[in-house]
Amino acid sequence: MFRPLELFIGLRYTRAKRRNHFISFISLTSMLGIALGITALITVLSVMNGFQQELRGRILSMTAHATISRWNGLVEDWQGLRDQAQRSSPEVLGGAPYIRGEAMLNHASLVSGALLQGILPAEEKQVSHIGDKMVRGTLDDLRPGAFGIILGKALANALGVNIGDKVTVITPQANITAAGILPRLKRFDVVGIFDAGMYEYDRGLALIHVADAGKLFQLPDGSVSGVRLKLRDLFQAPRLAAALSEGLPDGYLARDWTQDHASFFRAVQIEKTAMFVILTLIVAVAAFNIVSALVMVVTDKQSDIAILRTLGATPRSIMGIFIVQGITIGLVGTLLGLIGGVSLAKNVGVVVPFIERVFGIKFLAPDVYLISDLPSQVQWGDVSTIGLVAFGLAALATLYPAWRAARTQPAEALRYE
């Protein structure tokens, strides 16, 4: 613990006067360097958090929080399976059946592959927000036996179809006829188009009624591929999926959304970690500017140090003086950076449009990027980590200059005074 003498002299050196203006300037630039580095780090990580949240929301608007299926086979009593899941955990809010398979879609001379998903419109609203993504038609336009199909916007454009057009669905199953083995073909009427805002879904997903999907893929009556579930807290999905798996009959499996999109979210986390490391180096450079500032102070204050030593100050006290000075610079810079970073991150949605208007530019063109605005989400865990790392680097940077000051020999320092 520092005594008042070390604290008083250390703070006085921090705001050096008269002939030491250059040293004060170096101290000020060190503070500002740390503050700017922390501001940049908080802002970038907050924007990345915002992008991650936005993409996660778009993905979960099209997919369920958890899915129950069988290892090898079909689910015959999906209502009973859903009811069992809801009884086993109050966190399960609803469920809907689905049938999933791959198919080729053809219109005129255009052909495109797609993931064909059979849904039950009345129940689908419980587990996804696909109904809110419809730009033409509604989910209720899918009626059993009518063989209607809803396409993603990009898929519809690729096939050149619109509402009322017909597309031919070609499945991998084959029909054995007198002419030989032929693929199964069925014509569907386009009754809707959705825009999920995710190219993966808009280009490769088509929706049909679950009853029509069962007939198309030749499944037994009432059989489905599985049950999609909606949970109260999507972040508890891994734990709840594991708990549901333990209570399911043999052969059944519960998966959560993090497993279905593990590669994507792992890549986002790696990018976030890489950006944290890169921008922390900027903070480290600014923090170690404190070394040069303190070395200059030590050199400038050689005679003062010698006088203090002759008056009885110990090497430990001398070291404490310069540690106080360095920590003060680091603490002020860290606090300024935290305040500036949080303020900027919370107002990115205001600052960026202002810059775009002033300079007449658009950072994220809506015709190129799926997300045209910069979302931002401040996570206080990130803020505290950044603050601790920055302050730790600043404190570490004070050790060598302080140790060097403590080794000053009074006789050598006063020889030419």
Protein backbone atom coordinates (compact mmCIF):
# COMPACT_ATOMS: atom_id res chain seq x y z
CA MET A 1 0.00 0.00 0.00
CA PHE A 2 1.43 3.42 -0.99
CA ARG A 3 1.89 6.06 1.68
CA PRO A 4 0.79 9.72 1.12
CA LEU A 5 4.33 10.77 0.11
CA GLU A 6 4.49 8.40 -2.86
CA LEU A 7 0.93 9.26 -3.87
CA PHE A 8 1.49 13.03 -3.64
CA ILE A 9 4.76 13.07 -5.57
CA GLY A 10 3.55 10.56 -8.17
CA LEU A 11 0.44 12.64 -8.93
CA ARG A 12 2.53 15.82 -9.03
CA TYR A 13 4.88 14.29 -11.61
CA THR A 14 1.89 13.25 -13.70
CA ARG A 15 0.92 16.90 -14.21
CA ALA A 16 4.48 18.21 -14.58
CA LYS A 17 4.87 21.97 -15.05
CA ARG A 18 7.32 24.57 -16.32
CA ARG A 19 10.27 22.93 -18.09
CA ASN A 20 8.58 19.51 -18.26
CA HIS A 21 5.82 20.32 -20.76
CA PHE A 22 7.12 17.72 -23.23
CA ILE A 23 6.90 14.99 -20.61
CA SER A 24 3.34 16.10 -19.82
CA PHE A 25 2.59 15.89 -23.53
CA ILE A 26 3.93 12.31 -23.67
CA SER A 27 1.78 11.38 -20.65
CA LEU A 28 -1.26 12.93 -22.29
CA THR A 29 -0.70 11.07 -25.58
CA SER A 30 -0.30 7.83 -23.63
CA MET A 31 -3.67 8.40 -21.96
CA LEU A 32 -5.34 9.26 -25.25
CA GLY A 33 -3.74 6.28 -26.98
CA ILE A 34 -5.14 3.90 -24.37
CA ALA A 35 -8.53 5.63 -24.50
CA LEU A 36 -8.75 5.46 -28.30
CA GLY A 37 -7.66 1.82 -28.36
CA ILE A 38 -10.28 0.84 -25.78
CA THR A 39 -12.95 2.86 -27.60
CA ALA A 40 -12.17 1.11 -30.87
CA LEU A 41 -12.11 -2.31 -29.21
CA ILE A 42 -15.45 -1.88 -27.43
CA THR A 43 -17.11 -0.45 -30.55
CA VAL A 44 -15.88 -3.20 -32.89
CA LEU A 45 -16.83 -6.02 -30.52
CA SER A 46 -20.25 -4.44 -29.90
CA VAL A 47 -20.89 -4.22 -33.65
CA MET A 48 -19.82 -7.86 -34.06
CA ASN A 49 -22.17 -8.80 -31.21
CA GLY A 50 -24.92 -6.91 -33.00
CA PHE A 51 -24.28 -8.72 -36.27
CA GLN A 52 -24.23 -12.05 -34.45
CA GLN A 53 -27.54 -11.27 -32.73
CA GLU A 54 -29.13 -10.11 -35.99
CA LEU A 55 -28.03 -13.19 -37.91
CA ARG A 56 -29.06 -15.47 -35.07
CA GLY A 57 -32.50 -13.86 -35.08
CA ARG A 58 -32.86 -14.36 -38.82
CA ILE A 59 -31.76 -17.98 -38.58
CA LEU A 60 -34.12 -18.74 -35.69
CA SER A 61 -37.00 -17.06 -37.50
CA MET A 62 -36.79 -19.96 -39.98
CA THR A 63 -35.74 -22.82 -37.76
CA ALA A 64 -36.86 -24.26 -34.44
CA HIS A 65 -35.02 -24.01 -31.14
CA ALA A 66 -34.95 -27.81 -30.85
CA THR A 67 -35.92 -30.83 -32.95
CA ILE A 68 -36.95 -34.36 -32.00
CA SER A 69 -36.46 -37.12 -34.55
CA ARG A 70 -35.57 -40.82 -34.76
CA TRP A 71 -32.16 -42.24 -35.55
CA ASN A 72 -33.42 -44.50 -38.30
CA GLY A 73 -37.06 -44.10 -39.14
CA LEU A 74 -40.09 -41.85 -39.00
CA VAL A 75 -42.13 -40.39 -36.17
CA GLU A 76 -45.62 -41.84 -36.24
CA ASP A 77 -47.32 -40.10 -33.30
CA TRP A 78 -45.91 -36.57 -33.42
CA GLN A 79 -48.71 -35.13 -31.25
CA GLY A 80 -47.90 -37.56 -28.44
CA LEU A 81 -44.20 -36.78 -28.77
CA ARG A 82 -44.87 -33.04 -28.56
CA ASP A 83 -47.16 -33.47 -25.55
CA GLN A 84 -44.52 -35.59 -23.80
CA ALA A 85 -41.91 -32.90 -24.38
CA GLN A 86 -44.22 -30.21 -22.98
CA ARG A 87 -45.03 -32.32 -19.93
CA SER A 88 -41.37 -33.03 -19.26
CA SER A 89 -40.38 -29.35 -19.26
CA PRO A 90 -42.39 -26.14 -18.86
CA GLU A 91 -39.72 -24.46 -21.02
CA VAL A 92 -41.23 -26.12 -24.13
CA LEU A 93 -43.83 -23.67 -25.43
CA GLY A 94 -45.02 -25.45 -28.57
CA GLY A 95 -44.24 -27.90 -31.33
CA ALA A 96 -45.00 -28.61 -34.98
CA PRO A 97 -44.37 -31.58 -37.29
CA TYR A 98 -42.19 -31.47 -40.36
CA ILE A 99 -41.16 -33.64 -43.29
CA ARG A 100 -37.88 -32.81 -44.95
CA GLY A 101 -36.34 -34.03 -48.17
CA GLU A 102 -34.28 -32.90 -51.13
CA ALA A 103 -35.77 -32.33 -54.55
CA MET A 104 -35.22 -30.68 -57.93
CA LEU A 105 -37.56 -27.90 -59.02
CA ASN A 106 -38.19 -27.29 -62.70
CA HIS A 107 -39.95 -24.49 -64.55
CA ALA A 108 -39.69 -24.21 -68.31
CA SER A 109 -35.98 -24.79 -69.05
CA LEU A 110 -34.80 -23.72 -65.59
CA VAL A 111 -33.87 -26.27 -62.92
CA SER A 112 -32.71 -25.73 -59.33
CA GLY A 113 -32.12 -27.94 -56.33
CA ALA A 114 -33.95 -27.18 -53.10
CA LEU A 115 -34.66 -28.46 -49.63
CA LEU A 116 -38.33 -29.36 -49.57
CA GLN A 117 -39.96 -28.99 -46.17
CA GLY A 118 -43.46 -30.12 -45.38
CA ILE A 119 -45.18 -28.06 -42.65
CA LEU A 120 -48.55 -27.86 -40.96
CA PRO A 121 -49.49 -24.17 -41.34
CA ALA A 122 -51.71 -24.04 -38.25
CA GLU A 123 -48.92 -25.40 -36.03
CA GLU A 124 -45.92 -23.83 -37.81
CA LYS A 125 -46.70 -20.43 -36.30
CA GLN A 126 -45.79 -21.86 -32.88
CA VAL A 127 -42.18 -22.64 -33.79
CA SER A 128 -41.06 -20.16 -36.46
CA HIS A 129 -41.72 -16.68 -37.83
CA ILE A 130 -41.87 -17.72 -41.47
CA GLY A 131 -45.41 -16.36 -41.64
CA ASP A 132 -44.07 -12.87 -40.94
CA LYS A 133 -41.54 -13.22 -43.79
CA MET A 134 -44.15 -13.73 -46.50
CA VAL A 135 -44.03 -11.09 -49.23
CA ARG A 136 -46.77 -12.72 -51.29
CA GLY A 137 -49.41 -15.14 -50.15
CA THR A 138 -49.72 -16.68 -46.67
CA LEU A 139 -48.98 -20.00 -45.01
CA ASP A 140 -52.72 -20.73 -44.93
CA ASP A 141 -52.62 -20.96 -48.72
CA LEU A 142 -50.98 -24.36 -48.25
CA ARG A 143 -53.95 -26.73 -48.14
CA PRO A 144 -53.79 -30.54 -48.05
CA GLY A 145 -54.33 -32.12 -51.45
CA ALA A 146 -54.03 -28.81 -53.32
CA PHE A 147 -50.29 -29.31 -53.89
CA GLY A 148 -49.34 -25.69 -53.38
CA ILE A 149 -45.74 -24.59 -52.79
CA ILE A 150 -44.11 -21.54 -51.20
CA LEU A 151 -40.67 -20.57 -52.49
CA GLY A 152 -37.89 -18.38 -51.18
CA LYS A 153 -37.54 -15.08 -53.03
CA ALA A 154 -34.16 -15.91 -54.57
CA LEU A 155 -35.33 -19.41 -55.53
CA ALA A 156 -38.42 -17.99 -57.22
CA ASN A 157 -36.25 -15.54 -59.15
CA ALA A 158 -33.88 -18.32 -60.20
CA LEU A 159 -36.80 -20.32 -61.59
CA GLY A 160 -38.51 -17.26 -63.05
CA VAL A 161 -41.84 -17.99 -61.36
CA ASN A 162 -44.48 -15.92 -59.59
CA ILE A 163 -47.78 -16.53 -57.82
CA GLY A 164 -49.99 -18.80 -59.91
CA ASP A 165 -47.17 -20.38 -61.91
CA LYS A 166 -46.51 -24.11 -61.83
CA VAL A 167 -43.26 -25.86 -60.96
CA THR A 168 -42.42 -29.52 -61.35
CA VAL A 169 -40.96 -31.20 -58.27
CA ILE A 170 -38.61 -34.11 -58.99
CA THR A 171 -37.76 -36.36 -56.04
CA PRO A 172 -35.03 -39.01 -55.68
CA GLN A 173 -37.65 -41.77 -55.33
CA ALA A 174 -38.30 -43.68 -58.55
CA ASN A 175 -41.40 -45.18 -60.14
CA ILE A 176 -41.15 -48.53 -61.91
CA THR A 177 -43.20 -48.43 -65.11
CA ALA A 178 -43.44 -50.37 -68.35
CA ALA A 179 -41.06 -47.83 -69.83
CA GLY A 180 -38.51 -48.49 -67.11
CA ILE A 181 -37.50 -46.74 -63.90
CA LEU A 182 -38.58 -43.10 -63.93
CA PRO A 183 -38.14 -40.39 -61.30
CA ARG A 184 -41.19 -39.24 -59.38
CA LEU A 185 -42.63 -36.01 -60.77
CA LYS A 186 -45.37 -33.80 -59.36
CA ARG A 187 -46.57 -30.38 -60.45
CA PHE A 188 -47.14 -27.80 -57.74
CA ASP A 189 -48.80 -24.40 -57.89
CA VAL A 190 -46.77 -21.48 -56.51
CA VAL A 191 -49.02 -19.96 -53.82
CA GLY A 192 -46.53 -17.84 -51.88
CA ILE A 193 -43.06 -16.27 -51.76
CA PHE A 194 -41.10 -15.46 -48.60
CA ASP A 195 -38.05 -13.30 -47.95
CA ALA A 196 -36.14 -14.48 -44.87
CA GLY A 197 -33.19 -12.12 -45.36
CA MET A 198 -30.83 -15.11 -45.36
CA TYR A 199 -29.58 -16.28 -48.76
CA GLU A 200 -29.29 -19.86 -47.49
CA TYR A 201 -33.07 -20.01 -47.01
CA ASP A 202 -34.21 -17.64 -49.75
CA ARG A 203 -32.29 -19.59 -52.39
CA GLY A 204 -32.65 -23.17 -51.22
CA LEU A 205 -35.88 -23.68 -49.25
CA ALA A 206 -39.38 -24.54 -50.47
CA LEU A 207 -42.41 -25.17 -48.26
CA ILE A 208 -45.36 -27.48 -48.93
CA HIS A 209 -48.15 -28.91 -46.78
CA VAL A 210 -47.07 -31.82 -44.61
CA ALA A 211 -49.83 -34.03 -46.08
CA ASP A 212 -48.63 -33.32 -49.63
CA ALA A 213 -45.04 -33.98 -48.55
CA GLY A 214 -46.07 -37.36 -47.15
CA LYS A 215 -47.64 -38.33 -50.46
CA LEU A 216 -44.73 -36.97 -52.47
CA PHE A 217 -42.12 -38.91 -50.50
CA GLN A 218 -44.41 -41.98 -50.17
CA LEU A 219 -44.49 -41.97 -46.36
CA PRO A 220 -47.04 -43.94 -44.31
CA ASP A 221 -50.15 -41.96 -43.36
CA GLY A 222 -49.55 -39.74 -40.35
CA SER A 223 -45.77 -40.24 -40.37
CA VAL A 224 -43.41 -37.27 -40.26
CA SER A 225 -39.66 -36.72 -40.11
CA GLY A 226 -39.83 -35.22 -36.63
CA VAL A 227 -41.17 -32.51 -34.34
CA ARG A 228 -39.81 -28.98 -34.13
CA LEU A 229 -40.02 -27.30 -30.73
CA LYS A 230 -40.05 -23.72 -29.49
CA LEU A 231 -38.42 -23.02 -26.12
CA ARG A 232 -38.95 -20.20 -23.66
CA ASP A 233 -35.22 -19.39 -23.55
CA LEU A 234 -33.32 -20.18 -26.73
CA PHE A 235 -29.96 -19.95 -24.90
CA GLN A 236 -31.01 -22.89 -22.71
CA ALA A 237 -31.61 -25.03 -25.80
CA PRO A 238 -28.44 -27.21 -25.42
CA ARG A 239 -29.28 -28.08 -21.81
CA LEU A 240 -32.97 -28.68 -22.51
CA ALA A 241 -32.25 -30.79 -25.61
CA ALA A 242 -29.94 -33.00 -23.56
CA ALA A 243 -32.59 -33.36 -20.84
CA LEU A 244 -35.27 -34.19 -23.41
CA SER A 245 -33.06 -36.85 -25.00
CA GLU A 246 -32.79 -38.67 -21.68
CA GLY A 247 -36.57 -38.91 -21.34
CA LEU A 248 -37.30 -39.99 -24.90
CA PRO A 249 -37.91 -43.61 -25.95
CA ASP A 250 -35.05 -45.59 -27.45
CA GLY A 251 -34.14 -44.52 -30.95
CA TYR A 252 -35.25 -40.90 -30.52
CA LEU A 253 -32.90 -37.94 -30.51
CA ALA A 254 -33.29 -34.27 -29.53
CA ARG A 255 -31.07 -31.69 -31.23
CA ASP A 256 -30.84 -27.95 -30.59
CA TRP A 257 -30.26 -25.02 -32.94
CA THR A 258 -26.62 -24.61 -31.91
CA GLN A 259 -25.84 -28.08 -33.27
CA ASP A 260 -27.63 -27.44 -36.56
CA HIS A 261 -25.62 -24.23 -37.13
CA ALA A 262 -22.48 -25.07 -35.16
CA SER A 263 -20.03 -24.22 -37.96
CA PHE A 264 -21.52 -20.78 -38.54
CA PHE A 265 -21.54 -19.69 -34.91
CA ARG A 266 -18.08 -21.18 -34.34
CA ALA A 267 -16.75 -19.11 -37.25
CA VAL A 268 -18.35 -15.94 -35.84
CA GLN A 269 -16.81 -16.61 -32.42
CA ILE A 270 -13.37 -17.18 -33.98
CA GLU A 271 -13.65 -13.88 -35.86
CA LYS A 272 -14.64 -12.09 -32.67
CA THR A 273 -11.70 -13.59 -30.79
CA ALA A 274 -9.30 -12.65 -33.59
CA MET A 275 -10.56 -9.05 -33.61
CA PHE A 276 -10.18 -8.89 -29.83
CA VAL A 277 -6.55 -10.02 -30.05
CA ILE A 278 -5.71 -7.66 -32.94
CA LEU A 279 -7.26 -4.59 -31.33
CA THR A 280 -5.78 -5.47 -27.94
CA LEU A 281 -2.35 -5.08 -29.58
CA ILE A 282 -3.30 -1.47 -30.33
CA VAL A 283 -4.11 -0.97 -26.66
CA ALA A 284 -0.83 -2.68 -25.75
CA VAL A 285 1.17 -0.31 -27.95
CA ALA A 286 -0.53 2.67 -26.32
CA ALA A 287 -0.04 1.21 -22.86
CA PHE A 288 3.66 0.63 -23.40
CA ASN A 289 4.05 4.26 -24.44
CA ILE A 290 3.90 4.73 -20.70
CA VAL A 291 7.34 3.10 -20.57
CA SER A 292 8.89 5.85 -22.69
CA ALA A 293 7.06 8.55 -20.77
CA LEU A 294 8.22 7.23 -17.39
CA VAL A 295 11.78 6.64 -18.58
CA MET A 296 11.93 10.29 -19.62
CA VAL A 297 10.52 11.35 -16.26
CA VAL A 298 13.08 9.20 -14.44
CA THR A 299 15.91 10.73 -16.48
CA ASP A 300 14.59 14.24 -15.91
CA LYS A 301 14.10 13.69 -12.18
CA GLN A 302 17.49 12.15 -11.40
CA SER A 303 18.42 14.98 -9.05
CA ASP A 304 15.01 14.92 -7.35
CA ILE A 305 15.34 11.19 -6.80
CA ALA A 306 18.83 11.65 -5.35
CA ILE A 307 17.64 14.33 -2.94
CA LEU A 308 14.74 12.16 -1.83
CA ARG A 309 17.13 9.30 -1.24
CA THR A 310 19.45 11.48 0.88
CA LEU A 311 16.42 12.61 2.90
CA GLY A 312 15.66 9.00 3.76
CA ALA A 313 13.39 7.75 1.00
CA THR A 314 13.88 4.04 0.36
CA PRO A 315 14.21 2.45 -3.08
CA ARG A 316 10.76 0.99 -2.51
CA SER A 317 9.32 4.50 -1.98
CA ILE A 318 11.00 5.76 -5.15
CA MET A 319 9.60 2.83 -7.05
CA GLY A 320 6.17 3.53 -5.61
CA ILE A 321 6.26 7.16 -6.81
CA PHE A 322 6.65 6.16 -10.44
CA ILE A 323 4.21 3.27 -10.18
CA VAL A 324 1.62 5.78 -8.94
CA GLN A 325 2.36 8.01 -11.93
CA GLY A 326 2.10 5.16 -14.45
CA ILE A 327 -1.04 3.69 -12.89
CA THR A 328 -2.66 7.14 -12.86
CA ILE A 329 -2.00 7.52 -16.60
CA GLY A 330 -3.34 4.02 -17.26
CA LEU A 331 -6.40 4.46 -15.03
CA VAL A 332 -7.41 7.79 -16.56
CA GLY A 333 -6.89 6.45 -20.09
CA THR A 334 -8.87 3.30 -19.30
CA LEU A 335 -11.80 5.21 -17.80
CA LEU A 336 -11.90 7.63 -20.74
CA GLY A 337 -11.79 4.70 -23.16
CA LEU A 338 -14.58 2.83 -21.38
CA ILE A 339 -16.82 5.90 -21.32
CA GLY A 340 -16.08 6.73 -24.96
CA GLY A 341 -16.40 3.13 -26.15
CA VAL A 342 -19.73 2.46 -24.46
CA SER A 343 -21.11 5.84 -25.58
CA LEU A 344 -20.08 5.26 -29.20
CA ALA A 345 -21.24 1.64 -29.26
CA LYS A 346 -24.68 2.59 -27.94
CA ASN A 347 -25.02 5.33 -30.56
CA VAL A 348 -23.63 3.58 -33.64
CA GLY A 349 -27.09 3.67 -35.16
CA VAL A 350 -27.03 7.49 -34.95
CA VAL A 351 -23.36 8.20 -35.68
CA VAL A 352 -23.02 6.03 -38.81
CA PRO A 353 -26.08 7.45 -40.64
CA PHE A 354 -24.81 10.97 -39.81
CA ILE A 355 -21.42 10.21 -41.37
CA GLU A 356 -23.13 8.66 -44.39
CA ARG A 357 -25.25 11.79 -44.91
CA VAL A 358 -22.32 14.16 -44.49
CA PHE A 359 -20.00 12.36 -46.92
CA GLY A 360 -22.69 10.97 -49.23
CA ILE A 361 -21.59 7.36 -48.85
CA LYS A 362 -23.17 4.07 -47.81
CA PHE A 363 -21.03 1.68 -45.78
CA LEU A 364 -23.31 -1.33 -46.33
CA ALA A 365 -25.22 -1.05 -49.59
CA PRO A 366 -28.64 -2.76 -49.28
CA ASP A 367 -28.33 -4.20 -52.80
CA VAL A 368 -25.09 -5.96 -51.83
CA TYR A 369 -25.33 -6.84 -48.13
CA LEU A 370 -28.12 -8.66 -46.33
CA ILE A 371 -27.79 -6.27 -43.38
CA SER A 372 -27.55 -2.64 -44.51
CA ASP A 373 -27.38 -1.06 -41.05
CA LEU A 374 -24.70 -1.46 -38.40
CA PRO A 375 -26.31 -3.20 -35.41
CA SER A 376 -24.63 -2.86 -32.03
CA GLN A 377 -25.03 -4.75 -28.78
CA VAL A 378 -22.92 -3.80 -25.75
CA GLN A 379 -22.07 -6.81 -23.60
CA TRP A 380 -20.85 -5.73 -20.19
CA GLY A 381 -18.74 -8.85 -19.86
CA ASP A 382 -16.71 -7.69 -22.87
CA VAL A 383 -16.46 -4.16 -21.47
CA SER A 384 -15.14 -5.34 -18.10
CA THR A 385 -12.66 -7.71 -19.76
CA ILE A 386 -11.34 -4.95 -22.01
CA GLY A 387 -11.00 -2.57 -19.08
CA LEU A 388 -9.12 -5.08 -16.94
CA VAL A 389 -6.78 -6.07 -19.78
CA ALA A 390 -6.00 -2.45 -20.66
CA PHE A 391 -5.38 -1.43 -17.05
CA GLY A 392 -3.27 -4.55 -16.49
CA LEU A 393 -1.07 -3.72 -19.49
CA ALA A 394 -0.68 -0.13 -18.26
CA ALA A 395 0.27 -1.31 -14.78
CA LEU A 396 2.76 -3.79 -16.24
CA ALA A 397 4.34 -1.02 -18.30
CA THR A 398 5.21 0.94 -15.14
CA LEU A 399 7.40 -1.75 -13.57
CA TYR A 400 10.63 -1.30 -15.54
CA PRO A 401 10.83 2.53 -15.30
CA ALA A 402 9.95 2.37 -11.60
CA TRP A 403 12.58 -0.30 -10.99
CA ARG A 404 15.13 1.78 -12.88
CA ALA A 405 14.30 4.84 -10.76
CA ALA A 406 14.70 2.81 -7.58
CA ARG A 407 18.26 1.84 -8.62
CA THR A 408 19.36 5.48 -8.95
CA GLN A 409 22.51 6.15 -6.88
CA PRO A 410 22.36 9.59 -5.17
CA ALA A 411 26.11 10.24 -5.53
CA GLU A 412 26.11 9.51 -9.25
CA ALA A 413 22.99 11.61 -9.86
CA LEU A 414 24.33 14.69 -7.99
CA ARG A 415 27.89 14.52 -9.29
CA TYR A 416 27.38 17.16 -11.99
CA GLU A 417 24.68 19.23 -10.26
